Amino acid sequence: MTGRSERVVLALGSNLGDRAATLADAVHDLAGLAGATLVAVSPVYESAAVKLDGVDENAPRYLNAVLTIDYSGDPYALLDAVNAIEAEHGRVRAERWGDRTLDIDLIVFGQRSVDDARLTLPHPRAAERDFVLVPWLDLDAQAVIPGRGLVRNLLVATGNTVRRAADVVALDPAPAPGGGR
């Protein structure tokens, strides 16, 4: 642990299985990480699946959310923890940008800039993804992607096709009654 915490923005998505339960469990798992303090969780939004060749309207739709944590560890330790949480929820990496039970992306990690074979921060495509920008704005109307600009300005260029998932229970970091898994 570094001792000093930094604000981290994480984007969560799920388009396979019980999407809402998976996201709720993931929020609980992330809130329980050593060195992490949960700050806020966005409402849930629904979006079309984005594949390598564009939007796939025939694929199951995603439920998406954004959460913020204060984290006192290293970005690579958080990446390892996030990958472990994805695996615990059945994430299989058979196809790049394929359907998945759980996807967790590190969007920003304080003001850090990282670009190597394992990790790119800020996330290289976050500025183009309405399913990241819209829920993030729910948490912080002044949100900024370092080096890219204000999230609200970036959202204008996306076409904003996400919609709030009214039928989904709000994500709560407390475990579901009777256990989530």
N, C-alpha and C. Protein backbone atom coordinates (compact mmCIF):
# COMPACT_ATOMS: atom_id res chain seq x y z
N MET A 1 0.84 -1.18 0.00
CA MET A 1 0.00 0.00 0.00
C MET A 1 0.88 1.24 0.00
N THR A 2 0.40 2.27 -0.64
CA THR A 2 1.17 3.51 -0.72
C THR A 2 0.95 4.39 0.50
N GLY A 3 -0.10 4.17 1.28
CA GLY A 3 -0.41 4.99 2.43
C GLY A 3 -1.29 6.17 2.08
N ARG A 4 -1.12 6.75 0.92
CA ARG A 4 -1.91 7.89 0.47
C ARG A 4 -2.93 7.36 -0.52
N SER A 5 -4.20 7.74 -0.31
CA SER A 5 -5.23 7.23 -1.21
C SER A 5 -5.46 8.17 -2.37
N GLU A 6 -5.88 7.59 -3.48
CA GLU A 6 -6.21 8.34 -4.68
C GLU A 6 -7.62 7.96 -5.11
N ARG A 7 -8.33 8.90 -5.71
CA ARG A 7 -9.68 8.65 -6.21
C ARG A 7 -9.58 7.83 -7.48
N VAL A 8 -10.31 6.72 -7.50
CA VAL A 8 -10.33 5.82 -8.64
C VAL A 8 -11.75 5.69 -9.15
N VAL A 9 -11.90 5.73 -10.45
CA VAL A 9 -13.20 5.53 -11.10
C VAL A 9 -13.15 4.17 -11.79
N LEU A 10 -14.14 3.35 -11.49
CA LEU A 10 -14.25 2.01 -12.08
C LEU A 10 -15.58 1.91 -12.81
N ALA A 11 -15.57 1.30 -13.99
CA ALA A 11 -16.80 1.06 -14.74
C ALA A 11 -17.08 -0.44 -14.72
N LEU A 12 -18.34 -0.80 -14.46
CA LEU A 12 -18.76 -2.19 -14.39
C LEU A 12 -19.81 -2.46 -15.45
N GLY A 13 -19.74 -3.64 -16.04
CA GLY A 13 -20.74 -4.04 -17.01
C GLY A 13 -20.97 -5.53 -16.96
N SER A 14 -22.19 -5.95 -17.33
CA SER A 14 -22.55 -7.36 -17.37
C SER A 14 -23.65 -7.56 -18.41
N ASN A 15 -23.47 -8.57 -19.29
CA ASN A 15 -24.55 -8.87 -20.22
C ASN A 15 -24.90 -10.35 -20.26
N LEU A 16 -24.39 -11.14 -19.33
CA LEU A 16 -24.73 -12.56 -19.25
C LEU A 16 -25.15 -12.91 -17.83
N GLY A 17 -26.08 -13.84 -17.71
CA GLY A 17 -26.53 -14.29 -16.39
C GLY A 17 -27.42 -13.26 -15.72
N ASP A 18 -27.45 -13.31 -14.40
CA ASP A 18 -28.24 -12.36 -13.61
C ASP A 18 -27.42 -11.08 -13.49
N ARG A 19 -27.57 -10.22 -14.47
CA ARG A 19 -26.73 -9.03 -14.60
C ARG A 19 -26.79 -8.14 -13.36
N ALA A 20 -27.98 -7.89 -12.86
CA ALA A 20 -28.11 -6.99 -11.71
C ALA A 20 -27.46 -7.59 -10.46
N ALA A 21 -27.66 -8.86 -10.21
CA ALA A 21 -27.06 -9.50 -9.05
C ALA A 21 -25.53 -9.52 -9.17
N THR A 22 -25.04 -9.76 -10.38
CA THR A 22 -23.60 -9.76 -10.59
C THR A 22 -23.00 -8.39 -10.29
N LEU A 23 -23.65 -7.33 -10.79
CA LEU A 23 -23.13 -5.99 -10.52
C LEU A 23 -23.19 -5.68 -9.03
N ALA A 24 -24.28 -6.04 -8.37
CA ALA A 24 -24.39 -5.78 -6.93
C ALA A 24 -23.30 -6.52 -6.15
N ASP A 25 -23.07 -7.78 -6.51
CA ASP A 25 -22.02 -8.55 -5.84
C ASP A 25 -20.64 -7.94 -6.10
N ALA A 26 -20.41 -7.48 -7.33
CA ALA A 26 -19.13 -6.88 -7.67
C ALA A 26 -18.90 -5.59 -6.88
N VAL A 27 -19.94 -4.79 -6.71
CA VAL A 27 -19.81 -3.57 -5.90
C VAL A 27 -19.41 -3.95 -4.48
N HIS A 28 -20.06 -4.96 -3.94
CA HIS A 28 -19.73 -5.43 -2.58
C HIS A 28 -18.27 -5.89 -2.52
N ASP A 29 -17.84 -6.67 -3.51
CA ASP A 29 -16.47 -7.17 -3.55
C ASP A 29 -15.46 -6.02 -3.63
N LEU A 30 -15.74 -5.04 -4.49
CA LEU A 30 -14.83 -3.91 -4.65
C LEU A 30 -14.77 -3.07 -3.37
N ALA A 31 -15.91 -2.88 -2.73
CA ALA A 31 -15.96 -2.10 -1.49
C ALA A 31 -15.16 -2.79 -0.38
N GLY A 32 -15.02 -4.10 -0.46
CA GLY A 32 -14.30 -4.85 0.56
C GLY A 32 -12.81 -5.03 0.31
N LEU A 33 -12.30 -4.48 -0.77
CA LEU A 33 -10.87 -4.63 -1.06
C LEU A 33 -10.02 -3.91 -0.03
N ALA A 34 -8.90 -4.54 0.33
CA ALA A 34 -7.95 -3.89 1.23
C ALA A 34 -7.46 -2.60 0.58
N GLY A 35 -7.46 -1.54 1.35
CA GLY A 35 -6.99 -0.26 0.85
C GLY A 35 -8.05 0.55 0.11
N ALA A 36 -9.26 0.01 -0.01
CA ALA A 36 -10.34 0.69 -0.74
C ALA A 36 -11.40 1.20 0.21
N THR A 37 -11.88 2.40 -0.07
CA THR A 37 -13.03 2.97 0.63
C THR A 37 -14.03 3.37 -0.44
N LEU A 38 -15.21 2.78 -0.40
CA LEU A 38 -16.24 3.10 -1.36
C LEU A 38 -16.70 4.54 -1.15
N VAL A 39 -16.75 5.31 -2.24
CA VAL A 39 -17.19 6.70 -2.18
C VAL A 39 -18.61 6.82 -2.71
N ALA A 40 -18.88 6.26 -3.90
CA ALA A 40 -20.21 6.40 -4.50
C ALA A 40 -20.42 5.34 -5.57
N VAL A 41 -21.71 5.01 -5.78
CA VAL A 41 -22.12 4.07 -6.81
C VAL A 41 -23.22 4.73 -7.63
N SER A 42 -23.09 4.68 -8.93
CA SER A 42 -24.07 5.31 -9.83
C SER A 42 -25.34 4.48 -9.93
N PRO A 43 -26.39 5.08 -10.47
CA PRO A 43 -27.54 4.28 -10.90
C PRO A 43 -27.09 3.32 -12.01
N VAL A 44 -27.92 2.34 -12.29
CA VAL A 44 -27.62 1.35 -13.33
C VAL A 44 -28.23 1.81 -14.65
N TYR A 45 -27.47 1.62 -15.72
CA TYR A 45 -27.92 1.96 -17.07
C TYR A 45 -27.85 0.71 -17.94
N GLU A 46 -28.62 0.73 -19.01
CA GLU A 46 -28.61 -0.37 -19.97
C GLU A 46 -28.09 0.15 -21.30
N SER A 47 -27.27 -0.69 -21.95
CA SER A 47 -26.69 -0.29 -23.23
C SER A 47 -26.57 -1.50 -24.15
N ALA A 48 -26.47 -1.21 -25.43
CA ALA A 48 -26.23 -2.26 -26.42
C ALA A 48 -24.80 -2.78 -26.25
N ALA A 49 -24.58 -4.01 -26.67
CA ALA A 49 -23.24 -4.59 -26.64
C ALA A 49 -22.38 -3.96 -27.72
N VAL A 50 -21.16 -3.60 -27.34
CA VAL A 50 -20.20 -3.07 -28.31
C VAL A 50 -19.16 -4.15 -28.55
N LYS A 51 -19.02 -4.53 -29.82
CA LYS A 51 -18.06 -5.55 -30.22
C LYS A 51 -16.94 -4.90 -31.02
N LEU A 52 -15.96 -5.69 -31.42
CA LEU A 52 -14.84 -5.15 -32.18
C LEU A 52 -15.29 -4.43 -33.45
N ASP A 53 -16.35 -4.95 -34.08
CA ASP A 53 -16.81 -4.33 -35.34
C ASP A 53 -17.98 -3.38 -35.13
N GLY A 54 -18.23 -2.96 -33.89
CA GLY A 54 -19.28 -1.97 -33.62
C GLY A 54 -20.37 -2.50 -32.72
N VAL A 55 -21.49 -1.79 -32.68
CA VAL A 55 -22.62 -2.15 -31.84
C VAL A 55 -23.27 -3.42 -32.40
N ASP A 56 -23.56 -4.37 -31.50
CA ASP A 56 -24.22 -5.62 -31.87
C ASP A 56 -25.60 -5.65 -31.20
N GLU A 57 -26.61 -5.25 -31.96
CA GLU A 57 -27.98 -5.20 -31.41
C GLU A 57 -28.55 -6.59 -31.15
N ASN A 58 -27.92 -7.64 -31.69
CA ASN A 58 -28.40 -9.00 -31.48
C ASN A 58 -27.82 -9.66 -30.22
N ALA A 59 -26.78 -9.07 -29.67
CA ALA A 59 -26.17 -9.61 -28.44
C ALA A 59 -26.99 -9.17 -27.24
N PRO A 60 -26.90 -9.91 -26.14
CA PRO A 60 -27.60 -9.47 -24.93
C PRO A 60 -27.14 -8.07 -24.53
N ARG A 61 -28.07 -7.27 -24.02
CA ARG A 61 -27.76 -5.89 -23.61
C ARG A 61 -27.00 -5.89 -22.29
N TYR A 62 -26.21 -4.88 -22.10
CA TYR A 62 -25.43 -4.72 -20.88
C TYR A 62 -26.17 -3.91 -19.84
N LEU A 63 -25.94 -4.25 -18.59
CA LEU A 63 -26.21 -3.35 -17.48
C LEU A 63 -24.86 -2.76 -17.11
N ASN A 64 -24.84 -1.44 -16.88
CA ASN A 64 -23.60 -0.73 -16.60
C ASN A 64 -23.76 0.15 -15.37
N ALA A 65 -22.67 0.34 -14.66
CA ALA A 65 -22.63 1.27 -13.54
C ALA A 65 -21.19 1.76 -13.40
N VAL A 66 -21.04 2.84 -12.68
CA VAL A 66 -19.72 3.39 -12.36
C VAL A 66 -19.66 3.55 -10.86
N LEU A 67 -18.50 3.26 -10.30
CA LEU A 67 -18.32 3.53 -8.89
C LEU A 67 -16.99 4.22 -8.68
N THR A 68 -16.92 4.95 -7.58
CA THR A 68 -15.67 5.60 -7.20
C THR A 68 -15.24 5.06 -5.85
N ILE A 69 -13.94 4.88 -5.74
CA ILE A 69 -13.33 4.47 -4.48
C ILE A 69 -12.14 5.37 -4.21
N ASP A 70 -11.77 5.49 -2.96
CA ASP A 70 -10.48 6.03 -2.59
C ASP A 70 -9.62 4.80 -2.33
N TYR A 71 -8.48 4.73 -3.00
CA TYR A 71 -7.65 3.53 -2.96
C TYR A 71 -6.22 3.90 -2.58
N SER A 72 -5.67 3.17 -1.62
CA SER A 72 -4.33 3.46 -1.13
C SER A 72 -3.29 2.45 -1.61
N GLY A 73 -3.58 1.77 -2.69
CA GLY A 73 -2.63 0.82 -3.23
C GLY A 73 -2.12 1.21 -4.60
N ASP A 74 -1.40 0.33 -5.18
CA ASP A 74 -0.79 0.49 -6.49
C ASP A 74 -1.81 0.16 -7.59
N PRO A 75 -1.79 0.84 -8.72
CA PRO A 75 -2.75 0.54 -9.80
C PRO A 75 -2.70 -0.91 -10.27
N TYR A 76 -1.51 -1.50 -10.27
CA TYR A 76 -1.40 -2.89 -10.72
C TYR A 76 -1.99 -3.87 -9.71
N ALA A 77 -1.88 -3.54 -8.43
CA ALA A 77 -2.52 -4.37 -7.40
C ALA A 77 -4.04 -4.30 -7.56
N LEU A 78 -4.55 -3.10 -7.86
CA LEU A 78 -5.99 -2.97 -8.07
C LEU A 78 -6.41 -3.72 -9.33
N LEU A 79 -5.63 -3.63 -10.38
CA LEU A 79 -5.93 -4.38 -11.61
C LEU A 79 -5.98 -5.88 -11.32
N ASP A 80 -5.03 -6.39 -10.57
CA ASP A 80 -5.03 -7.82 -10.20
C ASP A 80 -6.29 -8.17 -9.41
N ALA A 81 -6.67 -7.32 -8.46
CA ALA A 81 -7.86 -7.57 -7.65
C ALA A 81 -9.12 -7.55 -8.51
N VAL A 82 -9.20 -6.60 -9.42
CA VAL A 82 -10.35 -6.49 -10.33
C VAL A 82 -10.44 -7.73 -11.21
N ASN A 83 -9.31 -8.18 -11.74
CA ASN A 83 -9.31 -9.38 -12.58
C ASN A 83 -9.74 -10.62 -11.78
N ALA A 84 -9.34 -10.69 -10.52
CA ALA A 84 -9.75 -11.81 -9.67
C ALA A 84 -11.26 -11.77 -9.41
N ILE A 85 -11.81 -10.58 -9.17
CA ILE A 85 -13.25 -10.45 -8.96
C ILE A 85 -14.00 -10.87 -10.22
N GLU A 86 -13.52 -10.43 -11.39
CA GLU A 86 -14.15 -10.85 -12.65
C GLU A 86 -14.15 -12.37 -12.77
N ALA A 87 -13.02 -13.00 -12.48
CA ALA A 87 -12.90 -14.46 -12.58
C ALA A 87 -13.84 -15.16 -11.61
N GLU A 88 -13.97 -14.62 -10.39
CA GLU A 88 -14.88 -15.21 -9.40
C GLU A 88 -16.33 -15.19 -9.89
N HIS A 89 -16.64 -14.25 -10.77
CA HIS A 89 -17.99 -14.13 -11.30
C HIS A 89 -18.13 -14.78 -12.68
N GLY A 90 -17.18 -15.64 -13.01
CA GLY A 90 -17.31 -16.43 -14.23
C GLY A 90 -16.82 -15.76 -15.50
N ARG A 91 -16.05 -14.70 -15.38
CA ARG A 91 -15.55 -14.02 -16.58
C ARG A 91 -14.61 -14.95 -17.34
N VAL A 92 -14.90 -15.11 -18.63
CA VAL A 92 -14.05 -15.90 -19.52
C VAL A 92 -13.54 -14.97 -20.60
N ARG A 93 -12.25 -15.02 -20.87
CA ARG A 93 -11.64 -14.13 -21.86
C ARG A 93 -11.34 -14.89 -23.14
N ALA A 94 -12.39 -15.46 -23.74
CA ALA A 94 -12.23 -16.24 -24.97
C ALA A 94 -12.25 -15.35 -26.21
N GLU A 95 -12.99 -14.26 -26.15
CA GLU A 95 -13.15 -13.38 -27.31
C GLU A 95 -12.95 -11.94 -26.86
N ARG A 96 -12.10 -11.20 -27.58
CA ARG A 96 -11.91 -9.79 -27.25
C ARG A 96 -13.22 -9.04 -27.46
N TRP A 97 -13.63 -8.31 -26.45
CA TRP A 97 -14.87 -7.54 -26.44
C TRP A 97 -16.09 -8.45 -26.59
N GLY A 98 -15.97 -9.70 -26.14
CA GLY A 98 -17.08 -10.63 -26.22
C GLY A 98 -18.07 -10.43 -25.08
N ASP A 99 -19.18 -11.16 -25.15
CA ASP A 99 -20.17 -11.13 -24.08
C ASP A 99 -19.50 -11.62 -22.80
N ARG A 100 -19.98 -11.12 -21.64
CA ARG A 100 -19.32 -11.50 -20.40
C ARG A 100 -20.26 -11.36 -19.20
N THR A 101 -19.97 -12.18 -18.21
CA THR A 101 -20.71 -12.09 -16.96
C THR A 101 -20.37 -10.82 -16.20
N LEU A 102 -19.10 -10.40 -16.28
CA LEU A 102 -18.66 -9.21 -15.56
C LEU A 102 -17.44 -8.62 -16.22
N ASP A 103 -17.48 -7.32 -16.41
CA ASP A 103 -16.33 -6.56 -16.90
C ASP A 103 -16.14 -5.39 -15.96
N ILE A 104 -14.93 -5.22 -15.45
CA ILE A 104 -14.61 -4.08 -14.59
C ILE A 104 -13.40 -3.40 -15.21
N ASP A 105 -13.56 -2.13 -15.55
CA ASP A 105 -12.47 -1.36 -16.13
C ASP A 105 -12.01 -0.26 -15.17
N LEU A 106 -10.71 -0.09 -15.05
CA LEU A 106 -10.15 1.06 -14.36
C LEU A 106 -10.20 2.22 -15.34
N ILE A 107 -10.94 3.26 -15.00
CA ILE A 107 -11.11 4.40 -15.90
C ILE A 107 -10.08 5.47 -15.60
N VAL A 108 -10.04 5.96 -14.38
CA VAL A 108 -8.99 6.89 -13.96
C VAL A 108 -8.51 6.47 -12.58
N PHE A 109 -7.25 6.76 -12.33
CA PHE A 109 -6.61 6.47 -11.05
C PHE A 109 -5.91 7.75 -10.62
N GLY A 110 -6.65 8.59 -9.90
CA GLY A 110 -6.13 9.91 -9.57
C GLY A 110 -5.81 10.66 -10.84
N GLN A 111 -4.66 11.27 -10.88
CA GLN A 111 -4.20 11.97 -12.08
C GLN A 111 -3.14 11.18 -12.83
N ARG A 112 -3.00 9.90 -12.47
CA ARG A 112 -1.92 9.09 -13.06
C ARG A 112 -2.13 8.83 -14.54
N SER A 113 -1.01 8.78 -15.22
CA SER A 113 -0.97 8.38 -16.62
C SER A 113 -0.07 7.16 -16.72
N VAL A 114 -0.62 6.05 -17.22
CA VAL A 114 0.12 4.81 -17.37
C VAL A 114 -0.16 4.29 -18.77
N ASP A 115 0.84 3.79 -19.45
CA ASP A 115 0.64 3.20 -20.77
C ASP A 115 1.69 2.13 -20.99
N ASP A 116 1.33 0.90 -20.67
CA ASP A 116 2.23 -0.22 -20.90
C ASP A 116 1.42 -1.43 -21.35
N ALA A 117 2.06 -2.57 -21.45
CA ALA A 117 1.40 -3.77 -21.97
C ALA A 117 0.26 -4.25 -21.08
N ARG A 118 0.28 -3.94 -19.78
CA ARG A 118 -0.75 -4.41 -18.85
C ARG A 118 -1.87 -3.43 -18.59
N LEU A 119 -1.56 -2.13 -18.65
CA LEU A 119 -2.51 -1.15 -18.16
C LEU A 119 -2.34 0.18 -18.88
N THR A 120 -3.48 0.78 -19.24
CA THR A 120 -3.47 2.14 -19.78
C THR A 120 -4.43 2.98 -18.95
N LEU A 121 -3.90 4.06 -18.40
CA LEU A 121 -4.69 5.00 -17.61
C LEU A 121 -4.40 6.42 -18.09
N PRO A 122 -5.42 7.24 -18.24
CA PRO A 122 -6.83 6.89 -18.17
C PRO A 122 -7.18 5.83 -19.23
N HIS A 123 -8.32 5.18 -19.01
CA HIS A 123 -8.77 4.14 -19.94
C HIS A 123 -8.81 4.73 -21.35
N PRO A 124 -8.25 4.03 -22.33
CA PRO A 124 -8.09 4.62 -23.67
C PRO A 124 -9.39 4.89 -24.43
N ARG A 125 -10.48 4.23 -24.10
CA ARG A 125 -11.74 4.43 -24.83
C ARG A 125 -12.87 4.99 -23.96
N ALA A 126 -12.59 5.30 -22.72
CA ALA A 126 -13.64 5.79 -21.83
C ALA A 126 -14.29 7.06 -22.36
N ALA A 127 -13.53 7.93 -22.98
CA ALA A 127 -14.07 9.21 -23.47
C ALA A 127 -15.07 9.02 -24.60
N GLU A 128 -15.12 7.82 -25.18
CA GLU A 128 -16.02 7.53 -26.30
C GLU A 128 -17.22 6.69 -25.88
N ARG A 129 -17.30 6.31 -24.63
CA ARG A 129 -18.31 5.34 -24.18
C ARG A 129 -19.37 6.00 -23.31
N ASP A 130 -20.55 6.16 -23.89
CA ASP A 130 -21.63 6.77 -23.14
C ASP A 130 -22.01 5.94 -21.92
N PHE A 131 -21.82 4.62 -21.98
CA PHE A 131 -22.17 3.76 -20.86
C PHE A 131 -21.19 3.91 -19.69
N VAL A 132 -20.10 4.62 -19.89
CA VAL A 132 -19.20 5.02 -18.81
C VAL A 132 -19.48 6.46 -18.40
N LEU A 133 -19.61 7.34 -19.38
CA LEU A 133 -19.73 8.77 -19.11
C LEU A 133 -21.03 9.15 -18.41
N VAL A 134 -22.15 8.59 -18.85
CA VAL A 134 -23.45 8.96 -18.26
C VAL A 134 -23.52 8.59 -16.78
N PRO A 135 -23.23 7.34 -16.39
CA PRO A 135 -23.29 7.05 -14.95
C PRO A 135 -22.24 7.80 -14.14
N TRP A 136 -21.09 8.08 -14.74
CA TRP A 136 -20.05 8.84 -14.04
C TRP A 136 -20.55 10.26 -13.74
N LEU A 137 -21.24 10.85 -14.68
CA LEU A 137 -21.79 12.19 -14.46
C LEU A 137 -22.81 12.21 -13.33
N ASP A 138 -23.52 11.10 -13.13
CA ASP A 138 -24.44 11.01 -12.00
C ASP A 138 -23.70 11.15 -10.67
N LEU A 139 -22.45 10.74 -10.65
CA LEU A 139 -21.64 10.80 -9.43
C LEU A 139 -20.91 12.12 -9.27
N ASP A 140 -20.55 12.74 -10.40
CA ASP A 140 -19.71 13.94 -10.34
C ASP A 140 -19.95 14.78 -11.59
N ALA A 141 -20.73 15.84 -11.44
CA ALA A 141 -21.05 16.71 -12.57
C ALA A 141 -19.83 17.44 -13.12
N GLN A 142 -18.74 17.49 -12.34
CA GLN A 142 -17.51 18.15 -12.78
C GLN A 142 -16.41 17.14 -13.14
N ALA A 143 -16.79 15.89 -13.38
CA ALA A 143 -15.81 14.84 -13.67
C ALA A 143 -14.95 15.21 -14.87
N VAL A 144 -13.68 14.80 -14.79
CA VAL A 144 -12.71 15.07 -15.84
C VAL A 144 -11.92 13.80 -16.11
N ILE A 145 -11.68 13.53 -17.38
CA ILE A 145 -10.72 12.50 -17.76
C ILE A 145 -9.41 13.23 -18.03
N PRO A 146 -8.39 12.99 -17.20
CA PRO A 146 -7.13 13.71 -17.38
C PRO A 146 -6.62 13.59 -18.83
N GLY A 147 -6.28 14.74 -19.38
CA GLY A 147 -5.77 14.79 -20.74
C GLY A 147 -6.84 14.78 -21.82
N ARG A 148 -8.09 14.53 -21.44
CA ARG A 148 -9.18 14.47 -22.42
C ARG A 148 -10.22 15.56 -22.22
N GLY A 149 -10.50 15.92 -20.97
CA GLY A 149 -11.43 17.01 -20.72
C GLY A 149 -12.59 16.63 -19.83
N LEU A 150 -13.54 17.56 -19.74
CA LEU A 150 -14.74 17.36 -18.93
C LEU A 150 -15.60 16.24 -19.50
N VAL A 151 -16.05 15.37 -18.63
CA VAL A 151 -16.87 14.23 -19.04
C VAL A 151 -18.14 14.72 -19.74
N ARG A 152 -18.78 15.77 -19.21
CA ARG A 152 -20.02 16.25 -19.83
C ARG A 152 -19.78 16.72 -21.27
N ASN A 153 -18.62 17.30 -21.56
CA ASN A 153 -18.31 17.72 -22.93
C ASN A 153 -18.00 16.52 -23.82
N LEU A 154 -17.33 15.53 -23.27
CA LEU A 154 -17.02 14.31 -24.03
C LEU A 154 -18.28 13.55 -24.38
N LEU A 155 -19.26 13.57 -23.47
CA LEU A 155 -20.51 12.85 -23.70
C LEU A 155 -21.24 13.36 -24.93
N VAL A 156 -21.18 14.63 -25.20
CA VAL A 156 -21.88 15.22 -26.34
C VAL A 156 -21.50 14.52 -27.65
N ALA A 157 -20.24 14.13 -27.78
CA ALA A 157 -19.76 13.50 -29.02
C ALA A 157 -20.15 12.03 -29.16
N THR A 158 -20.70 11.42 -28.10
CA THR A 158 -20.97 9.98 -28.15
C THR A 158 -22.31 9.61 -28.78
N GLY A 159 -23.24 10.54 -28.81
CA GLY A 159 -24.58 10.20 -29.30
C GLY A 159 -25.49 9.70 -28.20
N ASN A 160 -24.96 9.42 -27.02
CA ASN A 160 -25.69 9.01 -25.83
C ASN A 160 -26.93 8.15 -26.10
N THR A 161 -26.70 6.85 -26.16
CA THR A 161 -27.78 5.90 -26.43
C THR A 161 -28.18 5.08 -25.20
N VAL A 162 -27.53 5.30 -24.05
CA VAL A 162 -27.85 4.51 -22.86
C VAL A 162 -29.15 5.00 -22.25
N ARG A 163 -29.78 4.10 -21.49
CA ARG A 163 -30.99 4.50 -20.78
C ARG A 163 -30.94 3.93 -19.37
N ARG A 164 -31.49 4.70 -18.45
CA ARG A 164 -31.49 4.24 -17.07
C ARG A 164 -32.33 2.98 -16.98
N ALA A 165 -31.83 1.99 -16.25
CA ALA A 165 -32.52 0.71 -16.10
C ALA A 165 -33.48 0.81 -14.91
N ALA A 166 -34.69 1.24 -15.18
CA ALA A 166 -35.67 1.51 -14.13
C ALA A 166 -36.10 0.25 -13.38
N ASP A 167 -35.98 -0.90 -14.03
CA ASP A 167 -36.44 -2.13 -13.40
C ASP A 167 -35.37 -2.81 -12.55
N VAL A 168 -34.22 -2.18 -12.41
CA VAL A 168 -33.12 -2.78 -11.67
C VAL A 168 -33.02 -2.13 -10.29
N VAL A 169 -32.85 -2.95 -9.28
CA VAL A 169 -32.68 -2.45 -7.93
C VAL A 169 -31.37 -1.68 -7.85
N ALA A 170 -31.34 -0.61 -7.10
CA ALA A 170 -30.11 0.17 -6.93
C ALA A 170 -29.01 -0.72 -6.36
N LEU A 171 -27.81 -0.49 -6.80
CA LEU A 171 -26.68 -1.27 -6.31
C LEU A 171 -26.32 -0.82 -4.91
N ASP A 172 -26.16 -1.78 -4.03
CA ASP A 172 -25.86 -1.53 -2.64
C ASP A 172 -24.63 -2.33 -2.28
N PRO A 173 -23.64 -1.73 -1.63
CA PRO A 173 -22.44 -2.49 -1.29
C PRO A 173 -22.64 -3.55 -0.23
N ALA A 174 -23.79 -3.58 0.42
CA ALA A 174 -24.06 -4.61 1.41
C ALA A 174 -24.44 -5.90 0.69
N PRO A 175 -24.02 -7.05 1.19
CA PRO A 175 -24.37 -8.31 0.54
C PRO A 175 -25.87 -8.55 0.57
N ALA A 176 -26.35 -9.23 -0.44
CA ALA A 176 -27.78 -9.56 -0.53
C ALA A 176 -28.16 -10.52 0.59
N PRO A 177 -29.40 -10.44 1.10
CA PRO A 177 -29.84 -11.38 2.13
C PRO A 177 -29.69 -12.81 1.62
N GLY A 178 -29.15 -13.66 2.43
CA GLY A 178 -28.97 -15.05 2.04
C GLY A 178 -27.70 -15.28 1.22
N GLY A 179 -26.88 -14.24 1.06
CA GLY A 179 -25.63 -14.38 0.31
C GLY A 179 -25.85 -14.20 -1.15
N GLY A 180 -24.92 -13.55 -1.81
CA GLY A 180 -25.03 -13.26 -3.23
C GLY A 180 -24.53 -14.38 -4.10
N ARG A 181 -23.57 -15.20 -3.59
CA ARG A 181 -23.00 -16.27 -4.42
C ARG A 181 -23.08 -17.58 -3.73
